[in-house]
Amino acid sequence: MPTTADHVAPDAVARAFAKCRASGRPAVLPFVTAGYPSLASTGSLLPRLAAACGSIIEVGIPFSDPIADGPVIAESMHEALLAGCTPAGVFQTVRAVRAQVDAALIAMVSVSIVDRMGVERFTRDAAAAGFDGLIVPDIDIEDAPALRAACDAAGLTCTLLVSPTSSDARIARITALCSGFVYALARVGITGERSESPDIAPLIARIRATTSLPIAAGFGISTAAHVRAVTAHADGAIVGSAIVRSMREAITAKRSPEDAAVELVESLTRS
């Protein structure tokens, strides 16, 4: 059984991508909102999602003003906050189940939360809980070196976002500050499901020209066809809104939201 110490290292992320490559299946990185519909639900879901995806799970720490998140994720964060979810509660939940989660865990968190706690304290507490890395989607690039240094000191990976509108020079600057993997935005705008597959190839090529790190693409990925289209070029596909929506629909239908999330991820990894 894995322990927290087994995972709190940048190598955990590299191993996760290598594991998917070796198995011949796409690396699907599910995103879940911590505390939605409850922290108890999150705690029971994480080990099951790990078994379903076998790679990396993004755990969103709720924030009152999620800038880039679409309505599905934003509403889930609002409900989690109303229920009293806090970063400390997320850390406690992850710590309690970490030994059962055979996947890398990445905290997706607003820079406002990191700044409120202090970057050294936040990274230290995240690592102690069992997280392997951070994604901070709204950090200014000028502030990113301090975040990267704190992540390095805590044994966490540091992932930043690259947009299709970024210049080549900016892409190189961003990827130089990343460790673990790079998050490529498959589309411009806010998160949420789309019907058409994203044309990710040009952006992935531009990113690969600057780094040897794995690249995972997200924003608007919700179907097996999307996963196939994205992983033909990127190393992984990030799925968020579709998972949270499946959980919401299950709650409305008085079904298990955990079952719904796992079933969706299993269907996507079979693609």
C-alpha atoms as a PDB file:
ATOM      1  CA  MET A   1       0.000   0.000   0.000  1.00  0.00           C
ATOM      2  CA  PRO A   2       1.472   3.372  -0.958  1.00  0.00           C
ATOM      3  CA  THR A   3       2.294   5.829   1.776  1.00  0.00           C
ATOM      4  CA  THR A   4       2.331   9.601   1.765  1.00  0.00           C
ATOM      5  CA  ALA A   5       6.116   9.608   1.596  1.00  0.00           C
ATOM      6  CA  ASP A   6       6.007   7.492  -1.562  1.00  0.00           C
ATOM      7  CA  HIS A   7       4.186  10.257  -3.385  1.00  0.00           C
ATOM      8  CA  VAL A   8       5.492  13.590  -2.176  1.00  0.00           C
ATOM      9  CA  ALA A   9       8.147  13.938  -4.869  1.00  0.00           C
ATOM     10  CA  PRO A  10       8.252  15.276  -8.429  1.00  0.00           C
ATOM     11  CA  ASP A  11       9.050  11.739  -9.579  1.00  0.00           C
ATOM     12  CA  ALA A  12       5.461  10.714  -8.801  1.00  0.00           C
ATOM     13  CA  VAL A  13       4.158  12.835 -11.670  1.00  0.00           C
ATOM     14  CA  ALA A  14       6.754  11.499 -14.107  1.00  0.00           C
ATOM     15  CA  ARG A  15       5.915   7.943 -13.044  1.00  0.00           C
ATOM     16  CA  ALA A  16       2.224   8.586 -13.626  1.00  0.00           C
ATOM     17  CA  PHE A  17       2.745   9.653 -17.233  1.00  0.00           C
ATOM     18  CA  ALA A  18       5.193   6.785 -17.832  1.00  0.00           C
ATOM     19  CA  LYS A  19       2.699   4.295 -16.407  1.00  0.00           C
ATOM     20  CA  CYS A  20       0.035   5.379 -18.876  1.00  0.00           C
ATOM     21  CA  ARG A  21       2.454   5.268 -21.797  1.00  0.00           C
ATOM     22  CA  ALA A  22       3.563   1.764 -20.840  1.00  0.00           C
ATOM     23  CA  SER A  23      -0.034   0.558 -20.581  1.00  0.00           C
ATOM     24  CA  GLY A  24      -0.930   2.006 -23.979  1.00  0.00           C
ATOM     25  CA  ARG A  25      -3.864   3.983 -22.653  1.00  0.00           C
ATOM     26  CA  PRO A  26      -4.396   7.738 -22.657  1.00  0.00           C
ATOM     27  CA  ALA A  27      -3.454   9.685 -19.557  1.00  0.00           C
ATOM     28  CA  VAL A  28      -6.774  11.081 -18.363  1.00  0.00           C
ATOM     29  CA  LEU A  29      -6.352  13.584 -15.538  1.00  0.00           C
ATOM     30  CA  PRO A  30      -9.675  13.959 -13.714  1.00  0.00           C
ATOM     31  CA  PHE A  31     -10.439  17.168 -11.846  1.00  0.00           C
ATOM     32  CA  VAL A  32     -12.702  17.189  -8.805  1.00  0.00           C
ATOM     33  CA  THR A  33     -13.787  20.048  -6.590  1.00  0.00           C
ATOM     34  CA  ALA A  34     -12.743  19.306  -3.029  1.00  0.00           C
ATOM     35  CA  GLY A  35     -15.721  19.417  -0.698  1.00  0.00           C
ATOM     36  CA  TYR A  36     -18.299  18.830  -3.425  1.00  0.00           C
ATOM     37  CA  PRO A  37     -20.752  17.563  -2.442  1.00  0.00           C
ATOM     38  CA  SER A  38     -18.831  17.087   0.846  1.00  0.00           C
ATOM     39  CA  LEU A  39     -15.310  16.439   2.056  1.00  0.00           C
ATOM     40  CA  ALA A  40     -16.416  12.943   3.060  1.00  0.00           C
ATOM     41  CA  SER A  41     -17.441  12.360  -0.554  1.00  0.00           C
ATOM     42  CA  THR A  42     -14.072  13.652  -1.768  1.00  0.00           C
ATOM     43  CA  GLY A  43     -12.267  11.330   0.605  1.00  0.00           C
ATOM     44  CA  SER A  44     -14.159   8.281  -0.616  1.00  0.00           C
ATOM     45  CA  LEU A  45     -13.868   9.304  -4.281  1.00  0.00           C
ATOM     46  CA  LEU A  46     -10.112   9.849  -4.536  1.00  0.00           C
ATOM     47  CA  PRO A  47      -9.016   6.192  -4.119  1.00  0.00           C
ATOM     48  CA  ARG A  48     -11.650   5.086  -6.624  1.00  0.00           C
ATOM     49  CA  LEU A  49     -10.666   7.734  -9.164  1.00  0.00           C
ATOM     50  CA  ALA A  50      -7.039   6.687  -8.788  1.00  0.00           C
ATOM     51  CA  ALA A  51      -7.964   3.112  -9.645  1.00  0.00           C
ATOM     52  CA  ALA A  52      -9.965   4.326 -12.640  1.00  0.00           C
ATOM     53  CA  CYS A  53      -7.418   6.731 -14.132  1.00  0.00           C
ATOM     54  CA  GLY A  54      -4.131   5.320 -12.869  1.00  0.00           C
ATOM     55  CA  SER A  55      -2.326   8.605 -13.393  1.00  0.00           C
ATOM     56  CA  ILE A  56      -2.890  12.041 -11.871  1.00  0.00           C
ATOM     57  CA  ILE A  57      -5.863  13.590 -10.096  1.00  0.00           C
ATOM     58  CA  GLU A  58      -6.384  17.331  -9.840  1.00  0.00           C
ATOM     59  CA  VAL A  59      -8.071  18.436  -6.634  1.00  0.00           C
ATOM     60  CA  GLY A  60      -9.561  21.902  -6.857  1.00  0.00           C
ATOM     61  CA  ILE A  61      -9.454  23.897  -3.638  1.00  0.00           C
ATOM     62  CA  PRO A  62     -12.656  25.983  -3.576  1.00  0.00           C
ATOM     63  CA  PHE A  63     -12.303  29.707  -4.101  1.00  0.00           C
ATOM     64  CA  SER A  64     -14.990  32.379  -4.003  1.00  0.00           C
ATOM     65  CA  ASP A  65     -14.004  33.988  -7.312  1.00  0.00           C
ATOM     66  CA  PRO A  66     -12.841  31.236  -9.710  1.00  0.00           C
ATOM     67  CA  ILE A  67     -11.771  33.407 -12.628  1.00  0.00           C
ATOM     68  CA  ALA A  68     -11.288  30.827 -15.389  1.00  0.00           C
ATOM     69  CA  ASP A  69     -13.785  28.220 -14.250  1.00  0.00           C
ATOM     70  CA  GLY A  70     -17.037  27.737 -16.109  1.00  0.00           C
ATOM     71  CA  PRO A  71     -20.440  27.692 -14.407  1.00  0.00           C
ATOM     72  CA  VAL A  72     -20.412  23.991 -13.496  1.00  0.00           C
ATOM     73  CA  ILE A  73     -17.155  24.102 -11.548  1.00  0.00           C
ATOM     74  CA  ALA A  74     -17.824  27.589 -10.177  1.00  0.00           C
ATOM     75  CA  GLU A  75     -21.159  26.440  -8.750  1.00  0.00           C
ATOM     76  CA  SER A  76     -19.583  23.358  -7.194  1.00  0.00           C
ATOM     77  CA  MET A  77     -16.969  25.553  -5.514  1.00  0.00           C
ATOM     78  CA  HIS A  78     -19.661  27.899  -4.240  1.00  0.00           C
ATOM     79  CA  GLU A  79     -21.564  24.985  -2.709  1.00  0.00           C
ATOM     80  CA  ALA A  80     -18.398  23.554  -1.155  1.00  0.00           C
ATOM     81  CA  LEU A  81     -17.603  26.912   0.434  1.00  0.00           C
ATOM     82  CA  LEU A  82     -21.149  27.227   1.762  1.00  0.00           C
ATOM     83  CA  ALA A  83     -20.705  23.808   3.355  1.00  0.00           C
ATOM     84  CA  GLY A  84     -17.616  25.076   5.162  1.00  0.00           C
ATOM     85  CA  CYS A  85     -14.816  23.631   3.019  1.00  0.00           C
ATOM     86  CA  THR A  86     -11.429  25.208   3.786  1.00  0.00           C
ATOM     87  CA  PRO A  87      -7.859  24.529   2.617  1.00  0.00           C
ATOM     88  CA  ALA A  88      -7.130  23.012   6.024  1.00  0.00           C
ATOM     89  CA  GLY A  89     -10.113  20.705   5.625  1.00  0.00           C
ATOM     90  CA  VAL A  90      -8.919  19.664   2.170  1.00  0.00           C
ATOM     91  CA  PHE A  91      -5.445  18.903   3.512  1.00  0.00           C
ATOM     92  CA  GLN A  92      -6.911  16.874   6.364  1.00  0.00           C
ATOM     93  CA  THR A  93      -9.100  14.880   3.974  1.00  0.00           C
ATOM     94  CA  VAL A  94      -6.236  14.129   1.595  1.00  0.00           C
ATOM     95  CA  ARG A  95      -3.935  13.154   4.448  1.00  0.00           C
ATOM     96  CA  ALA A  96      -6.516  10.697   5.774  1.00  0.00           C
ATOM     97  CA  VAL A  97      -6.853   8.783   2.481  1.00  0.00           C
ATOM     98  CA  ARG A  98      -3.463   9.339   0.843  1.00  0.00           C
ATOM     99  CA  ALA A  99      -2.151   5.837   1.505  1.00  0.00           C
ATOM    100  CA  GLN A 100      -5.126   4.450  -0.442  1.00  0.00           C
ATOM    101  CA  VAL A 101      -4.667   6.705  -3.486  1.00  0.00           C
ATOM    102  CA  ASP A 102      -2.366   5.107  -6.055  1.00  0.00           C
ATOM    103  CA  ALA A 103      -2.030   8.205  -8.231  1.00  0.00           C
ATOM    104  CA  ALA A 104      -0.258  11.529  -8.141  1.00  0.00           C
ATOM    105  CA  LEU A 105      -2.328  14.277  -6.526  1.00  0.00           C
ATOM    106  CA  ILE A 106      -2.120  17.866  -7.728  1.00  0.00           C
ATOM    107  CA  ALA A 107      -3.800  20.741  -5.900  1.00  0.00           C
ATOM    108  CA  MET A 108      -5.317  23.332  -8.207  1.00  0.00           C
ATOM    109  CA  VAL A 109      -5.493  26.516  -6.198  1.00  0.00           C
ATOM    110  CA  SER A 110      -5.927  30.247  -6.672  1.00  0.00           C
ATOM    111  CA  VAL A 111      -2.915  32.404  -5.949  1.00  0.00           C
ATOM    112  CA  SER A 112      -5.153  34.368  -3.558  1.00  0.00           C
ATOM    113  CA  ILE A 113      -5.382  31.339  -1.265  1.00  0.00           C
ATOM    114  CA  VAL A 114      -1.642  30.717  -1.503  1.00  0.00           C
ATOM    115  CA  ASP A 115      -0.877  34.359  -0.700  1.00  0.00           C
ATOM    116  CA  ARG A 116      -3.342  34.404   2.194  1.00  0.00           C
ATOM    117  CA  MET A 117      -1.597  31.461   3.864  1.00  0.00           C
ATOM    118  CA  GLY A 118       1.886  32.427   2.698  1.00  0.00           C
ATOM    119  CA  VAL A 119       3.607  30.522  -0.080  1.00  0.00           C
ATOM    120  CA  GLU A 120       6.054  28.681   2.196  1.00  0.00           C
ATOM    121  CA  ARG A 121       3.347  27.575   4.612  1.00  0.00           C
ATOM    122  CA  PHE A 122       0.942  26.573   1.853  1.00  0.00           C
ATOM    123  CA  THR A 123       3.475  24.472  -0.032  1.00  0.00           C
ATOM    124  CA  ARG A 124       4.720  22.876   3.185  1.00  0.00           C
ATOM    125  CA  ASP A 125       1.191  21.986   4.324  1.00  0.00           C
ATOM    126  CA  ALA A 126       0.215  20.684   0.882  1.00  0.00           C
ATOM    127  CA  ALA A 127       3.246  18.408   0.775  1.00  0.00           C
ATOM    128  CA  ALA A 128       2.632  17.180   4.317  1.00  0.00           C
ATOM    129  CA  ALA A 129      -0.943  16.293   3.358  1.00  0.00           C
ATOM    130  CA  GLY A 130       0.289  14.151   0.478  1.00  0.00           C
ATOM    131  CA  PHE A 131      -0.030  16.375  -2.557  1.00  0.00           C
ATOM    132  CA  ASP A 132       2.620  15.937  -5.244  1.00  0.00           C
ATOM    133  CA  GLY A 133       2.308  19.310  -6.903  1.00  0.00           C
ATOM    134  CA  LEU A 134       0.407  22.530  -7.456  1.00  0.00           C
ATOM    135  CA  ILE A 135      -1.347  24.187 -10.362  1.00  0.00           C
ATOM    136  CA  VAL A 136      -1.826  27.911  -9.776  1.00  0.00           C
ATOM    137  CA  PRO A 137      -3.783  29.095 -12.818  1.00  0.00           C
ATOM    138  CA  ASP A 138      -4.071  32.784 -11.966  1.00  0.00           C
ATOM    139  CA  ILE A 139      -0.556  33.624 -10.804  1.00  0.00           C
ATOM    140  CA  ASP A 140       1.273  36.507 -12.485  1.00  0.00           C
ATOM    141  CA  ILE A 141       4.385  35.304 -14.247  1.00  0.00           C
ATOM    142  CA  GLU A 142       6.427  37.856 -12.288  1.00  0.00           C
ATOM    143  CA  ASP A 143       5.423  36.095  -9.055  1.00  0.00           C
ATOM    144  CA  ALA A 144       5.929  32.573 -10.371  1.00  0.00           C
ATOM    145  CA  PRO A 145       9.668  32.248  -9.558  1.00  0.00           C
ATOM    146  CA  ALA A 146       8.924  32.530  -5.826  1.00  0.00           C
ATOM    147  CA  LEU A 147       6.205  29.896  -6.159  1.00  0.00           C
ATOM    148  CA  ARG A 148       8.539  27.572  -8.055  1.00  0.00           C
ATOM    149  CA  ALA A 149      11.229  27.999  -5.400  1.00  0.00           C
ATOM    150  CA  ALA A 150       8.773  27.205  -2.607  1.00  0.00           C
ATOM    151  CA  CYS A 151       7.483  24.160  -4.488  1.00  0.00           C
ATOM    152  CA  ASP A 152      11.036  22.928  -5.025  1.00  0.00           C
ATOM    153  CA  ALA A 153      11.795  23.351  -1.328  1.00  0.00           C
ATOM    154  CA  ALA A 154       8.667  21.420  -0.350  1.00  0.00           C
ATOM    155  CA  GLY A 155       9.182  18.637  -2.890  1.00  0.00           C
ATOM    156  CA  LEU A 156       6.214  19.646  -5.039  1.00  0.00           C
ATOM    157  CA  THR A 157       5.897  20.086  -8.778  1.00  0.00           C
ATOM    158  CA  CYS A 158       4.866  23.494 -10.076  1.00  0.00           C
ATOM    159  CA  THR A 159       2.568  23.647 -13.090  1.00  0.00           C
ATOM    160  CA  LEU A 160       1.586  26.840 -14.886  1.00  0.00           C
ATOM    161  CA  LEU A 161      -0.841  27.404 -17.751  1.00  0.00           C
ATOM    162  CA  VAL A 162       0.047  28.136 -21.368  1.00  0.00           C
ATOM    163  CA  SER A 163      -2.576  29.789 -23.553  1.00  0.00           C
ATOM    164  CA  PRO A 164      -2.934  29.516 -27.347  1.00  0.00           C
ATOM    165  CA  THR A 165      -2.574  33.306 -27.446  1.00  0.00           C
ATOM    166  CA  SER A 166       0.827  33.275 -25.703  1.00  0.00           C
ATOM    167  CA  SER A 167       3.842  34.392 -27.718  1.00  0.00           C
ATOM    168  CA  ASP A 168       6.710  31.957 -28.218  1.00  0.00           C
ATOM    169  CA  ALA A 169       8.840  34.017 -25.851  1.00  0.00           C
ATOM    170  CA  ARG A 170       6.175  33.908 -23.154  1.00  0.00           C
ATOM    171  CA  ILE A 171       5.702  30.160 -23.619  1.00  0.00           C
ATOM    172  CA  ALA A 172       9.434  29.644 -23.090  1.00  0.00           C
ATOM    173  CA  ARG A 173       9.326  31.798 -19.984  1.00  0.00           C
ATOM    174  CA  ILE A 174       6.359  29.887 -18.552  1.00  0.00           C
ATOM    175  CA  THR A 175       7.685  26.407 -19.259  1.00  0.00           C
ATOM    176  CA  ALA A 176      11.047  27.300 -17.706  1.00  0.00           C
ATOM    177  CA  LEU A 177       9.153  27.878 -14.455  1.00  0.00           C
ATOM    178  CA  CYS A 178       7.268  24.572 -14.641  1.00  0.00           C
ATOM    179  CA  SER A 179       8.200  21.223 -13.185  1.00  0.00           C
ATOM    180  CA  GLY A 180       6.289  17.953 -13.416  1.00  0.00           C
ATOM    181  CA  PHE A 181       4.208  18.916 -16.438  1.00  0.00           C
ATOM    182  CA  VAL A 182       2.874  21.869 -18.397  1.00  0.00           C
ATOM    183  CA  TYR A 183      -0.849  22.682 -18.565  1.00  0.00           C
ATOM    184  CA  ALA A 184      -1.865  23.638 -22.116  1.00  0.00           C
ATOM    185  CA  LEU A 185      -5.155  25.460 -22.516  1.00  0.00           C
ATOM    186  CA  ALA A 186      -6.970  23.685 -25.315  1.00  0.00           C
ATOM    187  CA  ARG A 187      -9.160  26.743 -25.832  1.00  0.00           C
ATOM    188  CA  VAL A 188      -9.313  30.392 -24.878  1.00  0.00           C
ATOM    189  CA  GLY A 189     -11.927  31.441 -22.354  1.00  0.00           C
ATOM    190  CA  ILE A 190     -13.417  29.672 -19.351  1.00  0.00           C
ATOM    191  CA  THR A 191     -13.672  25.993 -18.573  1.00  0.00           C
ATOM    192  CA  GLY A 192     -16.716  24.029 -19.629  1.00  0.00           C
ATOM    193  CA  GLU A 193     -17.816  21.322 -21.988  1.00  0.00           C
ATOM    194  CA  ARG A 194     -17.748  21.796 -25.764  1.00  0.00           C
ATOM    195  CA  SER A 195     -19.137  19.684 -28.572  1.00  0.00           C
ATOM    196  CA  GLU A 196     -16.204  19.982 -30.984  1.00  0.00           C
ATOM    197  CA  SER A 197     -12.728  18.541 -30.472  1.00  0.00           C
ATOM    198  CA  PRO A 198     -10.026  21.147 -29.836  1.00  0.00           C
ATOM    199  CA  ASP A 199      -7.272  21.728 -32.390  1.00  0.00           C
ATOM    200  CA  ILE A 200      -4.433  21.410 -29.925  1.00  0.00           C
ATOM    201  CA  ALA A 201      -1.597  20.354 -32.253  1.00  0.00           C
ATOM    202  CA  PRO A 202      -0.142  23.820 -33.025  1.00  0.00           C
ATOM    203  CA  LEU A 203       0.061  24.829 -29.366  1.00  0.00           C
ATOM    204  CA  ILE A 204       1.564  21.495 -28.299  1.00  0.00           C
ATOM    205  CA  ALA A 205       4.256  21.840 -30.971  1.00  0.00           C
ATOM    206  CA  ARG A 206       5.110  25.331 -29.756  1.00  0.00           C
ATOM    207  CA  ILE A 207       5.345  24.129 -26.152  1.00  0.00           C
ATOM    208  CA  ARG A 208       7.471  21.094 -27.064  1.00  0.00           C
ATOM    209  CA  ALA A 209       9.954  23.431 -28.723  1.00  0.00           C
ATOM    210  CA  THR A 210      10.692  24.884 -25.275  1.00  0.00           C
ATOM    211  CA  THR A 211      10.570  21.936 -22.858  1.00  0.00           C
ATOM    212  CA  SER A 212      10.886  18.178 -22.475  1.00  0.00           C
ATOM    213  CA  LEU A 213       8.261  18.087 -19.716  1.00  0.00           C
ATOM    214  CA  PRO A 214       5.021  16.173 -20.326  1.00  0.00           C
ATOM    215  CA  ILE A 215       2.112  18.309 -21.507  1.00  0.00           C
ATOM    216  CA  ALA A 216      -1.492  17.887 -20.397  1.00  0.00           C
ATOM    217  CA  ALA A 217      -4.266  19.791 -22.157  1.00  0.00           C
ATOM    218  CA  GLY A 218      -7.486  20.947 -20.561  1.00  0.00           C
ATOM    219  CA  PHE A 219     -10.514  23.244 -20.951  1.00  0.00           C
ATOM    220  CA  GLY A 220     -13.566  21.871 -22.745  1.00  0.00           C
ATOM    221  CA  ILE A 221     -12.606  18.176 -22.836  1.00  0.00           C
ATOM    222  CA  SER A 222     -15.587  15.978 -22.041  1.00  0.00           C
ATOM    223  CA  THR A 223     -15.840  12.993 -24.401  1.00  0.00           C
ATOM    224  CA  ALA A 224     -13.784   9.996 -25.492  1.00  0.00           C
ATOM    225  CA  ALA A 225     -13.414  11.642 -28.909  1.00  0.00           C
ATOM    226  CA  HIS A 226     -11.954  14.741 -27.259  1.00  0.00           C
ATOM    227  CA  VAL A 227      -9.513  12.587 -25.274  1.00  0.00           C
ATOM    228  CA  ARG A 228      -8.371  10.803 -28.428  1.00  0.00           C
ATOM    229  CA  ALA A 229      -7.927  14.081 -30.296  1.00  0.00           C
ATOM    230  CA  VAL A 230      -5.942  15.665 -27.474  1.00  0.00           C
ATOM    231  CA  THR A 231      -3.731  12.696 -26.584  1.00  0.00           C
ATOM    232  CA  ALA A 232      -2.751  12.259 -30.227  1.00  0.00           C
ATOM    233  CA  HIS A 233      -0.529  15.272 -29.530  1.00  0.00           C
ATOM    234  CA  ALA A 234      -0.396  15.913 -25.772  1.00  0.00           C
ATOM    235  CA  ASP A 235       0.679  13.496 -23.052  1.00  0.00           C
ATOM    236  CA  GLY A 236      -2.570  13.807 -21.134  1.00  0.00           C
ATOM    237  CA  ALA A 237      -6.133  15.129 -21.244  1.00  0.00           C
ATOM    238  CA  ILE A 238      -7.609  17.002 -18.284  1.00  0.00           C
ATOM    239  CA  VAL A 239     -11.334  16.511 -17.699  1.00  0.00           C
ATOM    240  CA  GLY A 240     -13.106  18.701 -15.160  1.00  0.00           C
ATOM    241  CA  SER A 241     -16.528  20.154 -15.935  1.00  0.00           C
ATOM    242  CA  ALA A 242     -17.846  16.881 -17.356  1.00  0.00           C
ATOM    243  CA  ILE A 243     -16.945  15.042 -14.152  1.00  0.00           C
ATOM    244  CA  VAL A 244     -18.460  17.654 -11.871  1.00  0.00           C
ATOM    245  CA  ARG A 245     -21.588  17.761 -14.043  1.00  0.00           C
ATOM    246  CA  SER A 246     -21.927  13.972 -13.872  1.00  0.00           C
ATOM    247  CA  MET A 247     -21.784  14.200 -10.091  1.00  0.00           C
ATOM    248  CA  ARG A 248     -24.410  16.942 -10.007  1.00  0.00           C
ATOM    249  CA  GLU A 249     -26.743  14.971 -12.262  1.00  0.00           C
ATOM    250  CA  ALA A 250     -26.295  11.890 -10.085  1.00  0.00           C
ATOM    251  CA  ILE A 251     -27.202  13.860  -6.971  1.00  0.00           C
ATOM    252  CA  THR A 252     -30.342  15.158  -8.688  1.00  0.00           C
ATOM    253  CA  ALA A 253     -31.254  11.600  -9.681  1.00  0.00           C
ATOM    254  CA  LYS A 254     -30.522  10.383  -6.131  1.00  0.00           C
ATOM    255  CA  ARG A 255     -27.629   8.258  -7.354  1.00  0.00           C
ATOM    256  CA  SER A 256     -24.101   8.086  -5.996  1.00  0.00           C
ATOM    257  CA  PRO A 257     -22.052  11.033  -7.302  1.00  0.00           C
ATOM    258  CA  GLU A 258     -18.886   9.031  -6.676  1.00  0.00           C
ATOM    259  CA  ASP A 259     -20.168   6.194  -8.877  1.00  0.00           C
ATOM    260  CA  ALA A 260     -21.023   8.667 -11.636  1.00  0.00           C
ATOM    261  CA  ALA A 261     -17.557  10.240 -11.599  1.00  0.00           C
ATOM    262  CA  VAL A 262     -15.776   6.888 -11.643  1.00  0.00           C
ATOM    263  CA  GLU A 263     -17.951   5.535 -14.460  1.00  0.00           C
ATOM    264  CA  LEU A 264     -17.210   8.578 -16.616  1.00  0.00           C
ATOM    265  CA  VAL A 265     -13.456   8.388 -16.035  1.00  0.00           C
ATOM    266  CA  GLU A 266     -13.440   4.661 -16.770  1.00  0.00           C
ATOM    267  CA  SER A 267     -15.228   5.305 -20.059  1.00  0.00           C
ATOM    268  CA  LEU A 268     -12.695   7.974 -21.020  1.00  0.00           C
ATOM    269  CA  THR A 269      -9.633   5.878 -20.184  1.00  0.00           C
ATOM    270  CA  ARG A 270     -10.963   3.088 -22.396  1.00  0.00           C
ATOM    271  CA  SER A 271     -10.818   5.448 -25.365  1.00  0.00           C
END
